[in-house]
Protein backbone atom coordinates (compact mmCIF):
# COMPACT_ATOMS: atom_id res chain seq x y z
CA UNK A 1 99.06 94.92 77.19
CA UNK A 2 99.78 98.64 76.87
CA UNK A 3 99.49 100.55 80.14
CA UNK A 4 97.01 103.31 80.25
CA UNK A 5 97.66 106.45 82.07
CA UNK A 6 94.10 106.96 82.88
CA UNK A 7 93.91 104.04 84.86
CA UNK A 8 94.11 105.50 88.06
CA UNK A 9 92.19 105.26 91.63
CA UNK A 10 88.62 106.11 91.51
CA UNK A 11 88.45 106.58 95.28
CA UNK A 12 90.57 107.90 97.66
CA UNK A 13 91.50 105.68 100.33
CA UNK A 14 93.22 105.69 103.98
CA UNK A 15 96.62 104.74 103.52
CA UNK A 16 96.73 105.15 99.75
CA UNK A 17 99.94 104.45 97.98
CA UNK A 18 100.09 107.06 94.97
CA UNK A 19 102.98 108.87 96.45
CA UNK A 20 105.13 105.76 97.40
CA UNK A 21 104.83 104.36 93.72
CA UNK A 22 108.12 105.13 92.90
CA UNK A 23 109.47 103.28 95.90
CA UNK A 24 107.47 100.31 95.29
CA UNK A 25 108.13 100.14 91.55
CA UNK A 26 111.76 100.43 92.57
CA UNK A 27 111.74 97.31 94.46
CA UNK A 28 109.21 95.24 93.02
CA UNK A 29 110.41 92.04 90.82
CA UNK A 30 111.12 92.65 87.49
CA UNK A 31 108.74 89.96 86.19
CA UNK A 32 105.51 89.19 87.33
CA UNK A 33 103.75 86.11 86.11
CA UNK A 34 100.26 86.56 88.56
CA UNK A 35 99.61 89.66 91.11
CA UNK A 36 98.00 89.30 94.28
CA UNK A 37 96.88 92.09 96.52
CA UNK A 38 94.96 90.98 99.55
CA UNK A 39 94.60 94.35 100.67
CA UNK A 40 93.55 96.51 97.55
CA UNK A 41 91.96 99.43 99.20
CA UNK A 42 92.04 102.32 96.48
CA UNK A 43 94.26 100.16 94.08
CA UNK A 44 96.80 102.59 93.50
CA UNK A 45 99.82 99.88 93.13
CA UNK A 46 97.19 97.62 91.03
CA UNK A 47 96.63 100.73 88.57
CA UNK A 48 100.33 101.37 88.29
CA UNK A 49 101.27 98.13 87.54
CA UNK A 50 98.26 97.09 85.45
CA UNK A 51 99.12 93.28 85.44
CA UNK A 52 97.46 91.11 82.84
CA UNK A 53 96.59 88.59 85.66
CA UNK A 54 95.78 89.32 89.22
CA UNK A 55 93.83 88.30 92.30
CA UNK A 56 92.37 91.43 94.23
CA UNK A 57 90.81 91.43 97.82
CA UNK A 58 89.29 93.77 100.28
CA UNK A 59 87.36 92.99 103.42
CA UNK A 60 85.33 95.66 102.60
CA UNK A 61 82.28 94.71 100.61
CA UNK A 62 81.13 98.19 99.56
CA UNK A 63 84.55 98.60 97.97
CA UNK A 64 84.75 95.25 96.01
CA UNK A 65 81.01 96.02 94.95
CA UNK A 66 82.37 99.58 93.41
CA UNK A 67 85.02 97.55 91.57
CA UNK A 68 82.60 94.82 90.06
CA UNK A 69 79.98 97.45 88.94
CA UNK A 70 83.03 99.30 87.14
CA UNK A 71 83.76 96.17 85.50
CA UNK A 72 80.25 95.03 84.49
CA UNK A 73 78.12 98.27 84.61
CA UNK A 74 80.17 101.18 84.01
CA UNK A 75 77.81 102.97 81.79
CA UNK A 76 74.93 102.59 84.14
CA UNK A 77 77.16 103.65 87.04
CA UNK A 78 78.13 106.92 84.98
CA UNK A 79 74.33 107.65 84.33
CA UNK A 80 73.48 107.15 88.11
CA UNK A 81 76.10 109.40 89.30
CA UNK A 82 75.21 111.90 86.54
CA UNK A 83 71.96 112.38 88.17
CA UNK A 84 72.33 115.98 89.39
CA UNK A 85 68.99 116.09 91.15
CA UNK A 86 69.71 112.94 93.20
CA UNK A 87 73.74 113.58 94.00
CA UNK A 88 73.89 117.19 95.20
CA UNK A 89 76.63 118.90 96.75
CA UNK A 90 75.23 120.04 99.73
CA UNK A 91 75.11 118.94 103.29
CA UNK A 92 71.51 118.14 103.58
CA UNK A 93 71.79 115.63 100.33
CA UNK A 94 75.31 114.22 101.68
CA UNK A 95 73.66 113.23 105.24
CA UNK A 96 70.45 111.92 103.51
CA UNK A 97 72.66 109.71 101.34
CA UNK A 98 75.14 108.89 104.11
CA UNK A 99 72.32 107.82 106.63
CA UNK A 100 70.90 105.26 104.16
CA UNK A 101 72.93 102.37 105.61
CA UNK A 102 71.68 103.01 109.39
CA UNK A 103 68.30 101.56 107.84
CA UNK A 104 68.56 98.35 106.36
CA UNK A 105 65.36 98.11 104.80
CA UNK A 106 66.45 101.28 102.71
CA UNK A 107 69.93 100.00 102.19
CA UNK A 108 69.13 96.51 101.07
CA UNK A 109 66.40 97.92 98.47
CA UNK A 110 69.45 99.82 96.46
CA UNK A 111 71.01 97.69 93.51
CA UNK A 112 74.53 97.34 93.22
CA UNK A 113 74.74 100.39 90.83
CA UNK A 114 73.18 102.49 93.38
CA UNK A 115 75.45 101.15 96.16
CA UNK A 116 78.35 101.74 94.20
CA UNK A 117 77.42 105.19 93.10
CA UNK A 118 76.59 105.85 96.84
CA UNK A 119 80.21 104.83 98.11
CA UNK A 120 81.74 107.08 95.38
CA UNK A 121 79.58 110.10 95.91
CA UNK A 122 80.32 109.99 99.63
CA UNK A 123 83.70 109.47 98.61
CA UNK A 124 84.11 112.67 96.70
CA UNK A 125 81.94 115.01 98.72
CA UNK A 126 83.06 113.85 102.29
CA UNK A 127 85.56 115.57 104.40
CA UNK A 128 89.30 114.83 103.32
CA UNK A 129 87.76 112.20 100.84
CA UNK A 130 88.33 109.68 103.63
CA UNK A 131 86.40 106.50 103.88
CA UNK A 132 85.79 105.58 107.44
CA UNK A 133 83.24 103.58 109.33
CA UNK A 134 82.21 103.34 112.89
CA UNK A 135 82.42 100.31 115.11
CA UNK A 136 79.10 98.97 113.79
CA UNK A 137 80.46 99.11 110.22
CA UNK A 138 78.38 102.34 109.19
CA UNK A 139 80.15 105.37 107.14
CA UNK A 140 80.65 108.39 109.46
CA UNK A 141 82.96 110.94 107.57
CA UNK A 142 81.32 114.49 107.70
CA UNK A 143 80.48 116.58 104.76
CA UNK A 144 83.42 118.23 103.00
CA UNK A 145 81.94 121.46 101.49
CA UNK A 146 84.07 121.78 98.66
CA UNK A 147 83.17 123.97 95.91
CA UNK A 148 83.25 121.76 92.89
CA UNK A 149 84.17 117.89 93.58
CA UNK A 150 84.43 115.58 90.66
CA UNK A 151 81.47 113.44 91.54
CA UNK A 152 81.64 111.62 88.08
CA UNK A 153 84.98 111.16 86.26
CA UNK A 154 83.71 109.26 83.26
CA UNK A 155 86.76 109.11 81.31
CA UNK A 156 88.57 107.35 84.30
CA UNK A 157 85.80 105.06 85.20
CA UNK A 158 85.66 104.09 81.80
CA UNK A 159 89.60 103.45 81.36
CA UNK A 160 89.48 101.49 84.77
CA UNK A 161 86.39 99.40 83.28
CA UNK A 162 88.26 98.63 79.92
CA UNK A 163 91.38 97.33 81.85
CA UNK A 164 89.29 95.44 84.28
CA UNK A 165 87.92 93.68 81.14
CA UNK A 166 90.93 93.20 79.13
CA UNK A 167 93.02 91.85 82.20
CA UNK A 168 92.11 88.48 83.89
CA UNK A 169 91.33 89.73 87.33
CA UNK A 170 89.37 87.98 90.09
CA UNK A 171 87.88 90.21 92.72
CA UNK A 172 87.56 88.60 96.26
CA UNK A 173 85.71 90.01 99.45
CA UNK A 174 87.23 88.04 102.40
CA UNK A 175 90.07 87.40 104.86
CA UNK A 176 93.59 88.32 103.43
CA UNK A 177 94.64 84.76 104.04
CA UNK A 178 92.05 83.39 101.41
CA UNK A 179 93.55 85.62 98.81
CA UNK A 180 96.83 83.51 98.25
CA UNK A 181 95.10 79.88 98.94
CA UNK A 182 95.59 78.79 95.42
CA UNK A 183 99.05 80.93 94.69
CA UNK A 184 102.00 79.30 92.71
CA UNK A 185 105.47 79.85 92.42
CA UNK A 186 106.48 82.63 90.08
CA UNK A 187 103.51 85.02 91.69
CA UNK A 188 104.13 88.24 93.58
CA UNK A 189 101.99 89.60 96.52
CA UNK A 190 101.92 92.81 97.46
CA UNK A 191 100.70 93.66 100.95
CA UNK A 192 99.42 96.79 102.39
CA UNK A 193 97.50 96.01 105.51
CA UNK A 194 96.31 98.66 108.00
CA UNK A 195 99.42 99.61 109.75
CA UNK A 196 100.65 98.99 113.01
CA UNK A 197 100.49 101.78 115.39
CA UNK A 198 103.54 103.86 116.04
CA UNK A 199 101.93 105.45 119.25
CA UNK A 200 98.86 104.68 121.36
CA UNK A 201 96.87 107.36 119.83
CA UNK A 202 97.84 106.65 116.09
CA UNK A 203 95.87 103.49 115.37
CA UNK A 204 93.67 104.02 112.43
CA UNK A 205 91.84 100.91 111.39
CA UNK A 206 88.38 102.60 110.38
CA UNK A 207 88.29 101.48 106.97
CA UNK A 208 86.45 98.45 107.94
CA UNK A 209 84.52 97.16 110.80
CA UNK A 210 86.47 95.17 113.35
CA UNK A 211 89.96 96.77 112.91
CA UNK A 212 93.49 95.27 112.50
CA UNK A 213 95.22 94.66 115.68
CA UNK A 214 98.41 93.10 116.72
CA UNK A 215 97.18 89.41 116.50
CA UNK A 216 96.34 90.12 112.70
CA UNK A 217 99.77 91.57 112.32
CA UNK A 218 101.28 88.41 113.46
CA UNK A 219 99.03 86.29 111.56
CA UNK A 220 99.99 88.18 108.31
CA UNK A 221 103.65 87.71 109.16
CA UNK A 222 102.80 83.99 109.77
CA UNK A 223 101.27 83.95 106.07
CA UNK A 224 104.42 85.62 104.76
CA UNK A 225 106.32 82.85 106.20
CA UNK A 226 104.20 80.16 104.15
CA UNK A 227 104.61 82.12 101.07
CA UNK A 228 108.48 82.33 101.63
CA UNK A 229 108.87 78.62 101.96
CA UNK A 230 106.70 78.33 98.73
CA UNK A 231 109.19 80.20 96.87
CA UNK A 232 106.56 83.05 96.31
CA UNK A 233 107.94 86.72 96.07
CA UNK A 234 106.00 89.22 98.72
CA UNK A 235 106.50 92.89 99.49
CA UNK A 236 104.75 94.54 102.29
CA UNK A 237 104.53 97.97 103.46
CA UNK A 238 104.17 99.05 106.91
CA UNK A 239 104.88 101.57 109.71
CA UNK A 240 108.36 102.25 110.83
CA UNK A 241 108.15 100.58 114.50
CA UNK A 242 109.97 98.63 116.70
CA UNK A 243 107.27 95.89 116.82
CA UNK A 244 107.27 95.46 112.68
CA UNK A 245 110.92 95.35 112.49
CA UNK A 246 111.46 92.75 115.19
CA UNK A 247 108.39 90.86 113.56
CA UNK A 248 110.23 90.78 110.16
CA UNK A 249 113.80 90.87 111.32
CA UNK A 250 114.55 87.83 108.98
CA UNK A 251 113.55 89.48 105.83
CA UNK A 252 115.06 92.66 104.06
CA UNK A 253 113.69 95.97 105.74
CA UNK A 254 113.95 99.18 103.67
CA UNK A 255 113.07 102.63 105.07
CA UNK A 256 111.22 104.85 103.25
CA UNK A 257 109.81 108.16 103.70
CA UNK A 258 106.03 109.08 103.05
CA UNK A 259 104.03 112.40 103.34
CA UNK A 260 100.97 111.75 105.30
CA UNK A 261 98.23 114.20 105.89
CA UNK A 262 95.44 112.56 107.84
CA UNK A 263 96.21 113.01 111.47
CA UNK A 264 94.04 114.50 114.08
CA UNK A 265 97.05 116.60 115.17
CA UNK A 266 98.17 119.03 112.27
CA UNK A 267 101.85 119.34 113.71
CA UNK A 268 101.94 115.49 113.08
CA UNK A 269 101.06 115.91 109.54
CA UNK A 270 103.98 115.52 107.05
CA UNK A 271 106.96 113.31 106.53
CA UNK A 272 107.12 109.87 108.24
CA UNK A 273 109.19 106.91 108.15
CA UNK A 274 107.54 103.86 106.77
CA UNK A 275 109.21 100.33 105.65
CA UNK A 276 108.74 98.12 102.85
CA UNK A 277 109.68 94.56 103.55
CA UNK A 278 110.43 91.84 100.88
CA UNK A 279 112.02 88.13 100.85
CA UNK A 280 113.87 88.59 97.62
CA UNK A 281 116.87 90.42 96.69
CA UNK A 282 117.70 92.58 93.62
CA UNK A 283 116.11 90.70 90.63
């Protein structure tokens, strides 16, 4: 299956991997019979690899709905987003649409296409394009005040839809461990969990309700051990900190550099050290 350069992320997601793609491509297995991604987020790695067979998961139901709508109803989604009287680039419209999920009677009445359009609109017009929810699971990023946000990128949406329909892709919305329940030897898993904090103030798990703490990081490592015993290859991204290095000391740990722009302290934005962890050598 020929790769299409227009197949790319349609949403900006916290922890996105676009800039790390050269490193991930460098260290992935050369042959992949089936691809699994339990924390898909914006899908930068999925769209770069464009595997023929994949099982994709995220705990965020709004995100998975966006992908399902792109797959099954892309023209209806484009028409919805193209309604310039409904999706205006101003603060009044933004906050009105953002507040819909505060009222279940309003949100539940939205169609799946309207729900997907809402996520894309908010993502394109909110500050820093950052999808973030509060402890109650409600979207809470402020308005971005951008002059000309690309709210409806029909060319990319159609390309992604075409890929979703050409490939054999299963979309799941649940716990990360469920994604690999039926995995077989020869498959490849890429894990991109919410990163372990490198300081007491740096923990960011606001992409979904509930967060991802130390116990979840340990549970993820135990799942990696199970995959390793089955002979399944995995590659995992995480922060470069003592906790992660100690947790995965039995596997190959590769230090890489990444530029991060999301930090409340502007002085801490810039190049930071991250790690890639894998259970296989040079392929």
